[in-house]
N, C-alpha and C. Protein backbone atom coordinates (compact mmCIF):
# COMPACT_ATOMS: atom_id res chain seq x y z
N MET A 1 0.80 -1.20 0.00
CA MET A 1 0.02 0.03 0.02
C MET A 1 0.86 1.26 -0.04
N ILE A 2 2.01 1.23 0.64
CA ILE A 2 2.90 2.35 0.75
C ILE A 2 3.48 2.60 -0.63
N GLU A 3 4.02 1.58 -1.22
CA GLU A 3 4.70 1.74 -2.52
C GLU A 3 3.83 2.32 -3.64
N SER A 4 2.58 1.88 -3.62
CA SER A 4 1.65 2.34 -4.65
C SER A 4 1.12 3.78 -4.39
N GLY A 5 1.30 4.21 -3.13
CA GLY A 5 0.72 5.57 -2.83
C GLY A 5 -0.67 5.46 -2.29
N GLU A 6 -1.26 4.21 -2.20
CA GLU A 6 -2.59 4.01 -1.75
C GLU A 6 -2.83 4.45 -0.30
N LYS A 7 -1.79 4.24 0.53
CA LYS A 7 -1.87 4.56 1.95
C LYS A 7 -2.12 6.04 2.08
N GLU A 8 -1.38 6.83 1.33
CA GLU A 8 -1.52 8.39 1.41
C GLU A 8 -2.92 8.76 0.84
N ARG A 9 -3.36 8.09 -0.21
CA ARG A 9 -4.71 8.43 -0.78
C ARG A 9 -5.78 8.08 0.23
N LEU A 10 -5.64 6.97 0.95
CA LEU A 10 -6.64 6.64 1.98
C LEU A 10 -6.64 7.55 3.16
N LYS A 11 -5.42 7.99 3.57
CA LYS A 11 -5.32 9.03 4.59
C LYS A 11 -5.97 10.31 4.21
N GLU A 12 -5.75 10.70 3.01
CA GLU A 12 -6.42 11.99 2.54
C GLU A 12 -7.96 11.82 2.45
N LEU A 13 -8.38 10.71 2.01
CA LEU A 13 -9.84 10.42 1.94
C LEU A 13 -10.43 10.47 3.32
N LEU A 14 -9.77 9.84 4.29
CA LEU A 14 -10.28 9.81 5.68
C LEU A 14 -10.31 11.25 6.19
N ARG A 15 -9.27 12.02 5.99
CA ARG A 15 -9.22 13.42 6.42
C ARG A 15 -10.35 14.20 5.87
N GLU A 16 -10.64 14.08 4.57
CA GLU A 16 -11.77 14.77 3.94
C GLU A 16 -13.08 14.38 4.53
N ARG A 17 -13.32 13.05 4.65
CA ARG A 17 -14.59 12.58 5.21
C ARG A 17 -14.83 13.06 6.65
N LEU A 18 -13.78 13.07 7.47
CA LEU A 18 -13.90 13.55 8.85
C LEU A 18 -14.22 14.99 8.93
N ILE A 19 -13.58 15.82 8.03
CA ILE A 19 -13.92 17.22 8.01
C ILE A 19 -15.39 17.45 7.52
N GLU A 20 -15.77 16.67 6.54
CA GLU A 20 -17.14 16.86 5.92
C GLU A 20 -18.21 16.54 7.00
N CYS A 21 -18.00 15.53 7.83
CA CYS A 21 -19.02 15.13 8.79
C CYS A 21 -18.98 15.96 10.07
N GLY A 22 -18.02 16.87 10.22
CA GLY A 22 -17.93 17.66 11.39
C GLY A 22 -17.14 17.07 12.51
N TRP A 23 -16.53 15.92 12.30
CA TRP A 23 -15.76 15.21 13.34
C TRP A 23 -14.63 16.07 13.80
N ARG A 24 -13.95 16.69 12.93
CA ARG A 24 -12.82 17.48 13.28
C ARG A 24 -13.15 18.65 14.19
N ASP A 25 -14.24 19.33 13.83
CA ASP A 25 -14.70 20.48 14.74
C ASP A 25 -15.17 19.96 16.08
N GLU A 26 -15.82 18.83 16.14
CA GLU A 26 -16.28 18.26 17.41
C GLU A 26 -15.09 17.86 18.27
N LEU A 27 -13.98 17.33 17.65
CA LEU A 27 -12.87 16.94 18.34
C LEU A 27 -12.11 18.16 18.94
N LYS A 28 -12.12 19.26 18.17
CA LYS A 28 -11.52 20.48 18.62
C LYS A 28 -12.29 20.98 19.83
N ALA A 29 -13.60 20.93 19.76
CA ALA A 29 -14.44 21.36 20.92
C ALA A 29 -14.18 20.50 22.11
N GLN A 30 -13.98 19.15 21.95
CA GLN A 30 -13.63 18.28 23.07
C GLN A 30 -12.30 18.68 23.71
N CYS A 31 -11.33 19.04 22.85
CA CYS A 31 -10.03 19.47 23.39
C CYS A 31 -10.10 20.73 24.15
N ARG A 32 -10.85 21.69 23.63
CA ARG A 32 -11.08 22.93 24.35
C ARG A 32 -11.76 22.78 25.66
N ALA A 33 -12.79 21.91 25.68
CA ALA A 33 -13.48 21.68 26.90
C ALA A 33 -12.61 20.98 28.02
N PHE A 34 -11.82 20.07 27.55
CA PHE A 34 -10.87 19.36 28.49
C PHE A 34 -9.89 20.39 29.03
N THR A 35 -9.38 21.23 28.13
CA THR A 35 -8.35 22.22 28.52
C THR A 35 -8.92 23.23 29.49
N ARG A 36 -10.19 23.68 29.29
CA ARG A 36 -10.85 24.58 30.17
C ARG A 36 -11.05 23.95 31.53
N LYS A 37 -11.50 22.76 31.53
CA LYS A 37 -11.85 22.00 32.75
C LYS A 37 -10.63 21.89 33.65
N LYS A 38 -9.48 21.34 33.01
CA LYS A 38 -8.31 21.08 33.80
C LYS A 38 -7.42 22.32 33.98
N GLY A 39 -7.54 23.30 33.19
CA GLY A 39 -6.65 24.48 33.24
C GLY A 39 -5.43 24.19 32.37
N ARG A 40 -5.09 25.20 31.52
CA ARG A 40 -3.98 25.05 30.56
C ARG A 40 -2.70 24.66 31.23
N ALA A 41 -2.42 25.23 32.38
CA ALA A 41 -1.16 24.98 33.06
C ALA A 41 -1.09 23.66 33.68
N ASN A 42 -2.18 22.94 33.82
CA ASN A 42 -2.27 21.68 34.54
C ASN A 42 -2.35 20.42 33.67
N ILE A 43 -2.19 20.61 32.35
CA ILE A 43 -2.24 19.45 31.46
C ILE A 43 -1.07 19.49 30.47
N THR A 44 -0.69 18.24 30.04
CA THR A 44 0.33 18.10 29.06
C THR A 44 -0.29 17.62 27.74
N VAL A 45 0.45 17.66 26.69
CA VAL A 45 -0.03 17.13 25.44
C VAL A 45 -0.42 15.66 25.59
N ASP A 46 0.41 14.97 26.28
CA ASP A 46 0.20 13.53 26.58
C ASP A 46 -1.16 13.33 27.25
N ASP A 47 -1.40 14.17 28.27
CA ASP A 47 -2.72 14.04 28.94
C ASP A 47 -3.87 14.25 27.99
N LEU A 48 -3.73 15.26 27.20
CA LEU A 48 -4.82 15.58 26.25
C LEU A 48 -5.02 14.43 25.23
N VAL A 49 -3.92 13.92 24.69
CA VAL A 49 -3.97 12.80 23.77
C VAL A 49 -4.56 11.56 24.39
N ARG A 50 -4.13 11.27 25.59
CA ARG A 50 -4.64 10.07 26.25
C ARG A 50 -6.12 10.18 26.55
N THR A 51 -6.64 11.36 26.85
CA THR A 51 -8.02 11.50 27.16
C THR A 51 -8.91 11.57 25.88
N ILE A 52 -8.36 12.33 24.90
CA ILE A 52 -9.23 12.59 23.73
C ILE A 52 -9.21 11.46 22.69
N THR A 53 -8.16 10.73 22.57
CA THR A 53 -8.01 9.66 21.53
C THR A 53 -9.14 8.70 21.64
N PRO A 54 -9.53 8.10 22.73
CA PRO A 54 -10.63 7.12 22.72
C PRO A 54 -11.96 7.79 22.30
N LYS A 55 -12.15 9.02 22.77
CA LYS A 55 -13.41 9.74 22.32
C LYS A 55 -13.42 9.96 20.83
N GLY A 56 -12.28 10.36 20.29
CA GLY A 56 -12.15 10.70 18.86
C GLY A 56 -12.45 9.41 18.04
N ARG A 57 -11.91 8.31 18.45
CA ARG A 57 -12.10 7.08 17.74
C ARG A 57 -13.56 6.66 17.75
N ALA A 58 -14.14 6.78 18.88
CA ALA A 58 -15.60 6.42 19.03
C ALA A 58 -16.51 7.36 18.26
N MET A 59 -16.03 8.55 18.00
CA MET A 59 -16.91 9.54 17.22
C MET A 59 -16.83 9.35 15.76
N VAL A 60 -15.90 8.56 15.22
CA VAL A 60 -15.86 8.40 13.72
C VAL A 60 -17.18 7.68 13.28
N PRO A 61 -17.90 8.33 12.37
CA PRO A 61 -19.12 7.73 11.88
C PRO A 61 -18.95 6.38 11.24
N ASP A 62 -19.91 5.51 11.40
CA ASP A 62 -19.82 4.19 10.88
C ASP A 62 -19.71 4.16 9.31
N ASN A 63 -20.39 5.15 8.70
CA ASN A 63 -20.29 5.13 7.19
C ASN A 63 -18.91 5.54 6.73
N VAL A 64 -18.16 6.34 7.51
CA VAL A 64 -16.82 6.66 7.15
C VAL A 64 -15.95 5.43 7.27
N LYS A 65 -16.11 4.70 8.45
CA LYS A 65 -15.29 3.54 8.65
C LYS A 65 -15.68 2.42 7.55
N ALA A 66 -16.89 2.33 7.17
CA ALA A 66 -17.30 1.35 6.12
C ALA A 66 -16.72 1.73 4.81
N GLU A 67 -16.70 3.00 4.46
CA GLU A 67 -16.13 3.42 3.16
C GLU A 67 -14.65 3.11 3.09
N LEU A 68 -13.95 3.48 4.17
CA LEU A 68 -12.49 3.24 4.24
C LEU A 68 -12.16 1.75 4.12
N LEU A 69 -12.96 0.90 4.83
CA LEU A 69 -12.74 -0.54 4.84
C LEU A 69 -12.96 -1.11 3.43
N GLN A 70 -14.03 -0.61 2.75
CA GLN A 70 -14.31 -1.08 1.43
C GLN A 70 -13.17 -0.69 0.48
N ARG A 71 -12.64 0.48 0.60
CA ARG A 71 -11.52 0.97 -0.25
C ARG A 71 -10.35 0.08 -0.06
N ILE A 72 -10.06 -0.32 1.18
CA ILE A 72 -8.90 -1.19 1.49
C ILE A 72 -9.15 -2.54 0.88
N ARG A 73 -10.32 -3.13 1.05
CA ARG A 73 -10.67 -4.39 0.46
C ARG A 73 -10.47 -4.34 -1.08
N THR A 74 -11.03 -3.33 -1.68
CA THR A 74 -10.97 -3.20 -3.13
C THR A 74 -9.46 -3.14 -3.59
N PHE A 75 -8.66 -2.41 -2.82
CA PHE A 75 -7.23 -2.32 -3.21
C PHE A 75 -6.59 -3.70 -3.02
N LEU A 76 -6.88 -4.33 -1.94
CA LEU A 76 -6.22 -5.66 -1.73
C LEU A 76 -6.65 -6.73 -2.76
N LEU A 77 -7.80 -6.59 -3.27
CA LEU A 77 -8.31 -7.54 -4.26
C LEU A 77 -8.00 -7.14 -5.69
N SER A 78 -7.46 -6.02 -5.90
CA SER A 78 -7.16 -5.53 -7.22
C SER A 78 -5.91 -6.14 -7.77
N ASP A 79 -5.76 -5.86 -9.06
CA ASP A 79 -4.53 -6.38 -9.75
C ASP A 79 -3.29 -5.59 -9.31
N ALA A 80 -3.48 -4.44 -8.64
CA ALA A 80 -2.38 -3.64 -8.19
C ALA A 80 -1.38 -4.42 -7.35
N LEU A 81 -1.94 -5.37 -6.58
CA LEU A 81 -1.06 -6.18 -5.77
C LEU A 81 -0.35 -7.27 -6.50
N TRP A 82 -0.91 -7.74 -7.62
CA TRP A 82 -0.31 -8.86 -8.33
C TRP A 82 0.21 -8.44 -9.71
N PRO A 83 1.50 -8.18 -9.74
CA PRO A 83 2.09 -7.67 -11.04
C PRO A 83 1.88 -8.67 -12.20
């Protein structure tokens, strides 16, 4: 997937879909809320990542996951893998 460039295309597709569905904005809001609650001086980036990552993963819409999975399956089954 890396050699063909498919990994980068899939990452870009995921980025686009997450922005379209509002996931990115919602995640920013979650980060801001966490920062306000704990206070900027009282948290580290690691604290923020550890707290927000599970929430972010859970917020990814099922249709986005399904589309990405289908694209991966299609790639793996395509002739691109078999020269």
